[in-house]
């Protein structure tokens, strides 16, 4: 089965283009608590979406699921989540959780009214995952590599993928029959770590979903909606074509890709460290 695709945008015109081209999930991102401080050294997406964007997007989408990432569990979480559901969110994602208590609060509040995603991105979350998975309301887990690599004090966001950490998490989720995904991908032929390497790792590990990153199609940077539409159509086609190739991979093909991915990540880490020493 092809990977389910997610794209972050609060622009209805861009969302409709993504939906038309087979993006499964449009993502409204309300998370702002602590994110700027955590990721100040990382070139990551820091959205400025608002609760009203949910209602607007819910009135536009007809096929793609509308997911909303709320803030980490805090004093106003109940109101924030209730409002997101009332405005039309079909799935709620909880980021930066660090305990079973936080995930139980979140999952039990929603109580199956909409779908849920636990965004695993801290070492504390890794440590308590076994207990967290006992809650019957978990629908899926997504592994957020940006914050996860920072939580472990690593240099490059894909180090958890090649260190064995992501594989260990994936094995636990597979054992519990919980769908999962991880990281983000650029367009085919692009990315510091080539997207082809990452996609093959998704298939090897049993992932079912992935985020389309800014470098897949940076709609805000491009501006012209006609160009956004052309890029989406072209990049989705190239990705799906490559996935059909990966579906035919043998065990040896996956092993070779895993080794090449590890070598590439090691090279990138050394390069980053040299640059930092010389700054």
C-alpha atoms as a PDB file:
ATOM      1  CA  UNK A   1       0.000   0.000   0.000  1.00  0.00           C
ATOM      2  CA  UNK A   2       1.308   3.496  -0.817  1.00  0.00           C
ATOM      3  CA  UNK A   3       2.201   5.751   2.092  1.00  0.00           C
ATOM      4  CA  UNK A   4      -0.532   8.027   3.405  1.00  0.00           C
ATOM      5  CA  UNK A   5       0.554  11.629   2.854  1.00  0.00           C
ATOM      6  CA  UNK A   6       0.185  14.626   5.182  1.00  0.00           C
ATOM      7  CA  UNK A   7       0.680  18.286   4.356  1.00  0.00           C
ATOM      8  CA  UNK A   8       0.688  21.298   6.682  1.00  0.00           C
ATOM      9  CA  UNK A   9      -1.214  24.337   5.426  1.00  0.00           C
ATOM     10  CA  UNK A  10      -3.944  26.775   6.477  1.00  0.00           C
ATOM     11  CA  UNK A  11      -4.397  28.023   2.914  1.00  0.00           C
ATOM     12  CA  UNK A  12      -7.681  26.611   1.513  1.00  0.00           C
ATOM     13  CA  UNK A  13      -6.548  26.944  -2.127  1.00  0.00           C
ATOM     14  CA  UNK A  14      -3.336  25.009  -1.439  1.00  0.00           C
ATOM     15  CA  UNK A  15      -5.244  22.422   0.602  1.00  0.00           C
ATOM     16  CA  UNK A  16      -7.593  21.776  -2.317  1.00  0.00           C
ATOM     17  CA  UNK A  17      -4.618  21.268  -4.641  1.00  0.00           C
ATOM     18  CA  UNK A  18      -3.095  18.812  -2.172  1.00  0.00           C
ATOM     19  CA  UNK A  19      -6.425  17.006  -1.821  1.00  0.00           C
ATOM     20  CA  UNK A  20      -6.867  16.816  -5.595  1.00  0.00           C
ATOM     21  CA  UNK A  21      -3.427  15.214  -5.914  1.00  0.00           C
ATOM     22  CA  UNK A  22      -4.085  12.503  -3.369  1.00  0.00           C
ATOM     23  CA  UNK A  23      -2.822  13.971  -0.089  1.00  0.00           C
ATOM     24  CA  UNK A  24      -4.677  12.028   2.570  1.00  0.00           C
ATOM     25  CA  UNK A  25      -4.489  14.481   5.453  1.00  0.00           C
ATOM     26  CA  UNK A  26      -4.412  18.275   5.729  1.00  0.00           C
ATOM     27  CA  UNK A  27      -2.787  19.485   8.913  1.00  0.00           C
ATOM     28  CA  UNK A  28      -3.691  22.618  10.861  1.00  0.00           C
ATOM     29  CA  UNK A  29      -0.915  23.323  13.356  1.00  0.00           C
ATOM     30  CA  UNK A  30      -1.853  25.156  16.566  1.00  0.00           C
ATOM     31  CA  UNK A  31       1.268  24.172  18.516  1.00  0.00           C
ATOM     32  CA  UNK A  32       3.220  27.169  19.776  1.00  0.00           C
ATOM     33  CA  UNK A  33       3.920  26.548  23.475  1.00  0.00           C
ATOM     34  CA  UNK A  34       7.656  26.003  23.887  1.00  0.00           C
ATOM     35  CA  UNK A  35       8.303  25.239  20.228  1.00  0.00           C
ATOM     36  CA  UNK A  36      10.292  28.366  19.399  1.00  0.00           C
ATOM     37  CA  UNK A  37      12.703  27.763  22.283  1.00  0.00           C
ATOM     38  CA  UNK A  38      13.098  24.038  21.570  1.00  0.00           C
ATOM     39  CA  UNK A  39      13.749  24.407  17.860  1.00  0.00           C
ATOM     40  CA  UNK A  40      15.537  27.764  17.702  1.00  0.00           C
ATOM     41  CA  UNK A  41      18.644  26.078  16.223  1.00  0.00           C
ATOM     42  CA  UNK A  42      16.648  23.956  13.755  1.00  0.00           C
ATOM     43  CA  UNK A  43      15.298  24.984  10.357  1.00  0.00           C
ATOM     44  CA  UNK A  44      11.838  23.578  11.040  1.00  0.00           C
ATOM     45  CA  UNK A  45       8.291  24.677  10.259  1.00  0.00           C
ATOM     46  CA  UNK A  46       6.916  26.985  12.959  1.00  0.00           C
ATOM     47  CA  UNK A  47       3.342  27.613  11.883  1.00  0.00           C
ATOM     48  CA  UNK A  48       1.151  30.520  12.889  1.00  0.00           C
ATOM     49  CA  UNK A  49      -2.211  28.859  12.384  1.00  0.00           C
ATOM     50  CA  UNK A  50      -5.248  29.823  14.447  1.00  0.00           C
ATOM     51  CA  UNK A  51      -8.285  27.994  15.800  1.00  0.00           C
ATOM     52  CA  UNK A  52     -10.475  29.742  13.210  1.00  0.00           C
ATOM     53  CA  UNK A  53      -8.464  28.072  10.418  1.00  0.00           C
ATOM     54  CA  UNK A  54     -10.051  24.764  11.447  1.00  0.00           C
ATOM     55  CA  UNK A  55     -13.578  25.934  10.667  1.00  0.00           C
ATOM     56  CA  UNK A  56     -12.486  27.423   7.326  1.00  0.00           C
ATOM     57  CA  UNK A  57     -10.655  24.251   6.270  1.00  0.00           C
ATOM     58  CA  UNK A  58     -13.481  21.994   7.428  1.00  0.00           C
ATOM     59  CA  UNK A  59     -15.782  23.855   5.053  1.00  0.00           C
ATOM     60  CA  UNK A  60     -13.461  23.267   2.095  1.00  0.00           C
ATOM     61  CA  UNK A  61     -12.185  19.695   2.271  1.00  0.00           C
ATOM     62  CA  UNK A  62     -14.290  16.850   0.884  1.00  0.00           C
ATOM     63  CA  UNK A  63     -11.865  13.896   0.768  1.00  0.00           C
ATOM     64  CA  UNK A  64      -8.754  14.624   2.828  1.00  0.00           C
ATOM     65  CA  UNK A  65      -8.942  14.179   6.591  1.00  0.00           C
ATOM     66  CA  UNK A  66      -8.574  17.352   8.655  1.00  0.00           C
ATOM     67  CA  UNK A  67      -6.021  16.890  11.439  1.00  0.00           C
ATOM     68  CA  UNK A  68      -5.220  19.477  14.102  1.00  0.00           C
ATOM     69  CA  UNK A  69      -2.059  19.464  16.195  1.00  0.00           C
ATOM     70  CA  UNK A  70      -2.883  21.115  19.499  1.00  0.00           C
ATOM     71  CA  UNK A  71      -0.399  22.293  22.113  1.00  0.00           C
ATOM     72  CA  UNK A  72       1.313  19.941  24.575  1.00  0.00           C
ATOM     73  CA  UNK A  73      -0.981  19.047  27.472  1.00  0.00           C
ATOM     74  CA  UNK A  74      -1.431  22.192  29.596  1.00  0.00           C
ATOM     75  CA  UNK A  75      -3.977  24.043  31.751  1.00  0.00           C
ATOM     76  CA  UNK A  76      -6.125  25.066  28.766  1.00  0.00           C
ATOM     77  CA  UNK A  77      -5.925  21.774  26.841  1.00  0.00           C
ATOM     78  CA  UNK A  78      -9.523  20.763  27.511  1.00  0.00           C
ATOM     79  CA  UNK A  79     -10.912  24.015  26.069  1.00  0.00           C
ATOM     80  CA  UNK A  80      -8.488  23.950  23.124  1.00  0.00           C
ATOM     81  CA  UNK A  81      -9.345  20.371  22.191  1.00  0.00           C
ATOM     82  CA  UNK A  82     -13.104  20.828  22.643  1.00  0.00           C
ATOM     83  CA  UNK A  83     -13.033  23.893  20.418  1.00  0.00           C
ATOM     84  CA  UNK A  84     -10.984  22.102  17.752  1.00  0.00           C
ATOM     85  CA  UNK A  85     -13.521  19.265  17.666  1.00  0.00           C
ATOM     86  CA  UNK A  86     -16.467  21.697  17.590  1.00  0.00           C
ATOM     87  CA  UNK A  87     -14.882  23.539  14.638  1.00  0.00           C
ATOM     88  CA  UNK A  88     -14.558  20.363  12.572  1.00  0.00           C
ATOM     89  CA  UNK A  89     -11.273  18.617  13.386  1.00  0.00           C
ATOM     90  CA  UNK A  90     -11.476  14.949  12.376  1.00  0.00           C
ATOM     91  CA  UNK A  91      -8.244  13.980  14.095  1.00  0.00           C
ATOM     92  CA  UNK A  92      -6.346  15.560  16.998  1.00  0.00           C
ATOM     93  CA  UNK A  93      -2.587  15.199  17.459  1.00  0.00           C
ATOM     94  CA  UNK A  94      -0.930  15.583  20.868  1.00  0.00           C
ATOM     95  CA  UNK A  95       2.745  16.688  20.755  1.00  0.00           C
ATOM     96  CA  UNK A  96       5.574  16.631  23.301  1.00  0.00           C
ATOM     97  CA  UNK A  97       3.989  14.215  25.770  1.00  0.00           C
ATOM     98  CA  UNK A  98       6.276  12.755  28.396  1.00  0.00           C
ATOM     99  CA  UNK A  99       4.069  10.532  30.554  1.00  0.00           C
ATOM    100  CA  UNK A 100       1.210   8.052  30.511  1.00  0.00           C
ATOM    101  CA  UNK A 101      -0.795  10.527  32.595  1.00  0.00           C
ATOM    102  CA  UNK A 102      -0.637  13.144  29.827  1.00  0.00           C
ATOM    103  CA  UNK A 103      -1.636  10.704  27.083  1.00  0.00           C
ATOM    104  CA  UNK A 104      -4.425   9.214  29.217  1.00  0.00           C
ATOM    105  CA  UNK A 105      -5.775  12.718  29.913  1.00  0.00           C
ATOM    106  CA  UNK A 106      -5.775  13.424  26.179  1.00  0.00           C
ATOM    107  CA  UNK A 107      -7.164  10.098  24.966  1.00  0.00           C
ATOM    108  CA  UNK A 108      -9.821   9.797  27.651  1.00  0.00           C
ATOM    109  CA  UNK A 109     -11.016  13.356  27.030  1.00  0.00           C
ATOM    110  CA  UNK A 110     -11.530  12.634  23.330  1.00  0.00           C
ATOM    111  CA  UNK A 111     -12.937   9.174  24.124  1.00  0.00           C
ATOM    112  CA  UNK A 112     -13.228   8.081  20.499  1.00  0.00           C
ATOM    113  CA  UNK A 113     -15.199  11.132  19.319  1.00  0.00           C
ATOM    114  CA  UNK A 114     -12.537  11.832  16.687  1.00  0.00           C
ATOM    115  CA  UNK A 115      -9.356  10.011  15.673  1.00  0.00           C
ATOM    116  CA  UNK A 116      -6.191  10.546  17.706  1.00  0.00           C
ATOM    117  CA  UNK A 117      -2.458  10.702  16.978  1.00  0.00           C
ATOM    118  CA  UNK A 118       0.249  10.649  19.623  1.00  0.00           C
ATOM    119  CA  UNK A 119       3.306  12.536  18.393  1.00  0.00           C
ATOM    120  CA  UNK A 120       6.258  10.750  19.980  1.00  0.00           C
ATOM    121  CA  UNK A 121       9.190  13.169  20.155  1.00  0.00           C
ATOM    122  CA  UNK A 122      10.851  12.912  23.582  1.00  0.00           C
ATOM    123  CA  UNK A 123      13.081  10.341  25.248  1.00  0.00           C
ATOM    124  CA  UNK A 124      10.604  10.289  28.142  1.00  0.00           C
ATOM    125  CA  UNK A 125       7.912   9.223  25.660  1.00  0.00           C
ATOM    126  CA  UNK A 126      10.150   6.437  24.379  1.00  0.00           C
ATOM    127  CA  UNK A 127      10.705   5.212  27.932  1.00  0.00           C
ATOM    128  CA  UNK A 128       7.003   5.050  28.838  1.00  0.00           C
ATOM    129  CA  UNK A 129       5.653   3.918  25.457  1.00  0.00           C
ATOM    130  CA  UNK A 130       4.866   0.389  26.612  1.00  0.00           C
ATOM    131  CA  UNK A 131       2.537   1.687  29.331  1.00  0.00           C
ATOM    132  CA  UNK A 132       1.032   4.356  27.069  1.00  0.00           C
ATOM    133  CA  UNK A 133       0.028   1.753  24.466  1.00  0.00           C
ATOM    134  CA  UNK A 134      -2.335   0.104  26.952  1.00  0.00           C
ATOM    135  CA  UNK A 135      -4.931   2.848  26.384  1.00  0.00           C
ATOM    136  CA  UNK A 136      -7.697   1.557  24.097  1.00  0.00           C
ATOM    137  CA  UNK A 137      -8.289   4.943  22.432  1.00  0.00           C
ATOM    138  CA  UNK A 138      -4.921   5.147  20.631  1.00  0.00           C
ATOM    139  CA  UNK A 139      -5.413   5.217  16.861  1.00  0.00           C
ATOM    140  CA  UNK A 140      -1.826   5.825  15.732  1.00  0.00           C
ATOM    141  CA  UNK A 141       1.598   7.106  16.750  1.00  0.00           C
ATOM    142  CA  UNK A 142       3.782   9.447  14.747  1.00  0.00           C
ATOM    143  CA  UNK A 143       7.520   9.705  15.461  1.00  0.00           C
ATOM    144  CA  UNK A 144       8.673  13.327  15.279  1.00  0.00           C
ATOM    145  CA  UNK A 145      12.362  13.262  14.419  1.00  0.00           C
ATOM    146  CA  UNK A 146      13.065  16.982  14.866  1.00  0.00           C
ATOM    147  CA  UNK A 147      12.330  17.129  18.574  1.00  0.00           C
ATOM    148  CA  UNK A 148      13.315  13.505  19.185  1.00  0.00           C
ATOM    149  CA  UNK A 149      16.886  14.055  18.008  1.00  0.00           C
ATOM    150  CA  UNK A 150      17.089  17.234  20.120  1.00  0.00           C
ATOM    151  CA  UNK A 151      15.767  15.341  23.142  1.00  0.00           C
ATOM    152  CA  UNK A 152      18.656  12.876  22.819  1.00  0.00           C
ATOM    153  CA  UNK A 153      21.234  15.615  22.186  1.00  0.00           C
ATOM    154  CA  UNK A 154      21.967  14.419  18.645  1.00  0.00           C
ATOM    155  CA  UNK A 155      23.278  16.451  15.716  1.00  0.00           C
ATOM    156  CA  UNK A 156      21.030  15.580  12.769  1.00  0.00           C
ATOM    157  CA  UNK A 157      17.318  14.817  12.749  1.00  0.00           C
ATOM    158  CA  UNK A 158      17.699  11.456  10.996  1.00  0.00           C
ATOM    159  CA  UNK A 159      20.237  10.051  13.460  1.00  0.00           C
ATOM    160  CA  UNK A 160      17.464   8.264  15.433  1.00  0.00           C
ATOM    161  CA  UNK A 161      16.565   6.469  12.189  1.00  0.00           C
ATOM    162  CA  UNK A 162      20.042   5.004  11.708  1.00  0.00           C
ATOM    163  CA  UNK A 163      20.944   4.494  15.384  1.00  0.00           C
ATOM    164  CA  UNK A 164      18.287   1.812  15.799  1.00  0.00           C
ATOM    165  CA  UNK A 165      16.052   3.959  18.017  1.00  0.00           C
ATOM    166  CA  UNK A 166      13.293   4.428  15.437  1.00  0.00           C
ATOM    167  CA  UNK A 167      13.429   0.747  14.518  1.00  0.00           C
ATOM    168  CA  UNK A 168      13.036  -0.219  18.182  1.00  0.00           C
ATOM    169  CA  UNK A 169       9.970   2.041  18.482  1.00  0.00           C
ATOM    170  CA  UNK A 170       8.512   0.693  15.225  1.00  0.00           C
ATOM    171  CA  UNK A 171       8.890  -2.904  16.371  1.00  0.00           C
ATOM    172  CA  UNK A 172       6.982  -2.124  19.567  1.00  0.00           C
ATOM    173  CA  UNK A 173       4.189  -0.433  17.602  1.00  0.00           C
ATOM    174  CA  UNK A 174       3.972  -3.300  15.106  1.00  0.00           C
ATOM    175  CA  UNK A 175       3.711  -5.772  17.981  1.00  0.00           C
ATOM    176  CA  UNK A 176       0.779  -3.762  19.352  1.00  0.00           C
ATOM    177  CA  UNK A 177      -0.792  -3.355  15.883  1.00  0.00           C
ATOM    178  CA  UNK A 178      -0.628   0.452  16.089  1.00  0.00           C
ATOM    179  CA  UNK A 179      -0.186   2.271  12.727  1.00  0.00           C
ATOM    180  CA  UNK A 180       2.738   4.699  12.633  1.00  0.00           C
ATOM    181  CA  UNK A 181       4.895   6.976  10.537  1.00  0.00           C
ATOM    182  CA  UNK A 182       7.969   9.121  11.052  1.00  0.00           C
ATOM    183  CA  UNK A 183       9.826  12.208   9.849  1.00  0.00           C
ATOM    184  CA  UNK A 184       9.231  14.130   6.649  1.00  0.00           C
ATOM    185  CA  UNK A 185      10.317  13.780   3.043  1.00  0.00           C
ATOM    186  CA  UNK A 186      11.407  16.162   0.332  1.00  0.00           C
ATOM    187  CA  UNK A 187      10.551  15.683  -3.330  1.00  0.00           C
ATOM    188  CA  UNK A 188      12.229  12.822  -5.167  1.00  0.00           C
ATOM    189  CA  UNK A 189      15.852  13.699  -5.941  1.00  0.00           C
ATOM    190  CA  UNK A 190      16.048  16.245  -3.123  1.00  0.00           C
ATOM    191  CA  UNK A 191      16.806  16.422   0.585  1.00  0.00           C
ATOM    192  CA  UNK A 192      19.996  16.514   2.637  1.00  0.00           C
ATOM    193  CA  UNK A 193      19.288  12.841   3.210  1.00  0.00           C
ATOM    194  CA  UNK A 194      17.778  11.846  -0.167  1.00  0.00           C
ATOM    195  CA  UNK A 195      14.048  11.245   0.015  1.00  0.00           C
ATOM    196  CA  UNK A 196      14.467   7.942  -1.836  1.00  0.00           C
ATOM    197  CA  UNK A 197      16.517   6.565   1.076  1.00  0.00           C
ATOM    198  CA  UNK A 198      13.886   7.644   3.602  1.00  0.00           C
ATOM    199  CA  UNK A 199      10.946   6.245   1.627  1.00  0.00           C
ATOM    200  CA  UNK A 200      12.632   2.848   1.371  1.00  0.00           C
ATOM    201  CA  UNK A 201      13.183   2.882   5.142  1.00  0.00           C
ATOM    202  CA  UNK A 202       9.470   3.579   5.644  1.00  0.00           C
ATOM    203  CA  UNK A 203       8.676   0.453   3.658  1.00  0.00           C
ATOM    204  CA  UNK A 204      11.329  -1.649   5.417  1.00  0.00           C
ATOM    205  CA  UNK A 205      10.087  -0.671   8.873  1.00  0.00           C
ATOM    206  CA  UNK A 206       6.371  -1.038   8.156  1.00  0.00           C
ATOM    207  CA  UNK A 207       5.430   2.650   8.280  1.00  0.00           C
ATOM    208  CA  UNK A 208       2.105   3.675   6.756  1.00  0.00           C
ATOM    209  CA  UNK A 209       2.353   7.479   6.632  1.00  0.00           C
ATOM    210  CA  UNK A 210       4.712  10.413   6.097  1.00  0.00           C
ATOM    211  CA  UNK A 211       4.717  14.217   6.157  1.00  0.00           C
ATOM    212  CA  UNK A 212       5.467  16.106   2.939  1.00  0.00           C
ATOM    213  CA  UNK A 213       8.065  18.675   3.984  1.00  0.00           C
ATOM    214  CA  UNK A 214       8.516  22.252   2.803  1.00  0.00           C
ATOM    215  CA  UNK A 215      11.072  21.115   0.230  1.00  0.00           C
ATOM    216  CA  UNK A 216       8.430  18.841  -1.304  1.00  0.00           C
ATOM    217  CA  UNK A 217       6.405  21.916  -2.226  1.00  0.00           C
ATOM    218  CA  UNK A 218       6.910  25.165  -0.324  1.00  0.00           C
ATOM    219  CA  UNK A 219       3.614  26.827  -1.215  1.00  0.00           C
ATOM    220  CA  UNK A 220       4.306  29.940   0.868  1.00  0.00           C
ATOM    221  CA  UNK A 221       7.641  30.533  -0.832  1.00  0.00           C
ATOM    222  CA  UNK A 222       6.305  29.848  -4.349  1.00  0.00           C
ATOM    223  CA  UNK A 223       3.258  32.086  -4.030  1.00  0.00           C
ATOM    224  CA  UNK A 224       1.747  31.575  -7.508  1.00  0.00           C
ATOM    225  CA  UNK A 225      -1.071  29.066  -7.091  1.00  0.00           C
ATOM    226  CA  UNK A 226      -0.706  27.743 -10.662  1.00  0.00           C
ATOM    227  CA  UNK A 227       2.919  26.860  -9.979  1.00  0.00           C
ATOM    228  CA  UNK A 228       1.978  25.185  -6.692  1.00  0.00           C
ATOM    229  CA  UNK A 229      -0.524  23.040  -8.588  1.00  0.00           C
ATOM    230  CA  UNK A 230       2.030  22.008 -11.224  1.00  0.00           C
ATOM    231  CA  UNK A 231       4.654  21.147  -8.602  1.00  0.00           C
ATOM    232  CA  UNK A 232       2.241  19.128  -6.508  1.00  0.00           C
ATOM    233  CA  UNK A 233       1.076  17.102  -9.488  1.00  0.00           C
ATOM    234  CA  UNK A 234       4.632  16.451 -10.683  1.00  0.00           C
ATOM    235  CA  UNK A 235       6.134  15.671  -7.275  1.00  0.00           C
ATOM    236  CA  UNK A 236       3.318  13.357  -6.175  1.00  0.00           C
ATOM    237  CA  UNK A 237       3.581  11.429  -9.453  1.00  0.00           C
ATOM    238  CA  UNK A 238       7.357  11.008  -9.058  1.00  0.00           C
ATOM    239  CA  UNK A 239       6.924   9.824  -5.504  1.00  0.00           C
ATOM    240  CA  UNK A 240       4.222   7.294  -6.343  1.00  0.00           C
ATOM    241  CA  UNK A 241       6.326   6.015  -9.260  1.00  0.00           C
ATOM    242  CA  UNK A 242       9.276   5.516  -6.906  1.00  0.00           C
ATOM    243  CA  UNK A 243       7.063   3.752  -4.351  1.00  0.00           C
ATOM    244  CA  UNK A 244       6.081   1.224  -7.016  1.00  0.00           C
ATOM    245  CA  UNK A 245       9.782   0.482  -7.411  1.00  0.00           C
ATOM    246  CA  UNK A 246      10.281   0.085  -3.651  1.00  0.00           C
ATOM    247  CA  UNK A 247       7.322  -2.294  -3.439  1.00  0.00           C
ATOM    248  CA  UNK A 248       9.416  -4.732  -5.483  1.00  0.00           C
ATOM    249  CA  UNK A 249      12.505  -4.498  -3.240  1.00  0.00           C
ATOM    250  CA  UNK A 250      14.007  -7.723  -1.952  1.00  0.00           C
ATOM    251  CA  UNK A 251      15.470  -8.168   1.545  1.00  0.00           C
ATOM    252  CA  UNK A 252      18.890  -7.507   0.042  1.00  0.00           C
ATOM    253  CA  UNK A 253      17.663  -4.277  -1.566  1.00  0.00           C
ATOM    254  CA  UNK A 254      16.348  -3.049   1.785  1.00  0.00           C
ATOM    255  CA  UNK A 255      19.578  -4.073   3.537  1.00  0.00           C
ATOM    256  CA  UNK A 256      21.654  -2.170   0.978  1.00  0.00           C
ATOM    257  CA  UNK A 257      19.461   0.916   1.324  1.00  0.00           C
ATOM    258  CA  UNK A 258      19.710   0.745   5.127  1.00  0.00           C
ATOM    259  CA  UNK A 259      23.518   0.610   4.920  1.00  0.00           C
ATOM    260  CA  UNK A 260      23.655   3.473   2.402  1.00  0.00           C
ATOM    261  CA  UNK A 261      21.309   5.529   4.623  1.00  0.00           C
ATOM    262  CA  UNK A 262      23.560   4.976   7.650  1.00  0.00           C
ATOM    263  CA  UNK A 263      26.639   6.015   5.671  1.00  0.00           C
ATOM    264  CA  UNK A 264      24.892   9.125   4.368  1.00  0.00           C
ATOM    265  CA  UNK A 265      23.719  10.160   7.850  1.00  0.00           C
ATOM    266  CA  UNK A 266      27.220   9.603   9.290  1.00  0.00           C
ATOM    267  CA  UNK A 267      28.662  11.827   6.557  1.00  0.00           C
ATOM    268  CA  UNK A 268      26.075  14.575   7.170  1.00  0.00           C
ATOM    269  CA  UNK A 269      26.704  14.495  10.943  1.00  0.00           C
ATOM    270  CA  UNK A 270      30.466  14.873  10.442  1.00  0.00           C
ATOM    271  CA  UNK A 271      29.915  17.777   8.053  1.00  0.00           C
ATOM    272  CA  UNK A 272      27.602  19.554  10.488  1.00  0.00           C
ATOM    273  CA  UNK A 273      30.057  19.077  13.356  1.00  0.00           C
ATOM    274  CA  UNK A 274      32.947  20.512  11.292  1.00  0.00           C
ATOM    275  CA  UNK A 275      30.883  23.557  10.364  1.00  0.00           C
ATOM    276  CA  UNK A 276      29.958  24.161  14.003  1.00  0.00           C
ATOM    277  CA  UNK A 277      33.604  23.900  15.099  1.00  0.00           C
ATOM    278  CA  UNK A 278      34.577  26.530  12.529  1.00  0.00           C
ATOM    279  CA  UNK A 279      31.796  28.970  13.405  1.00  0.00           C
END
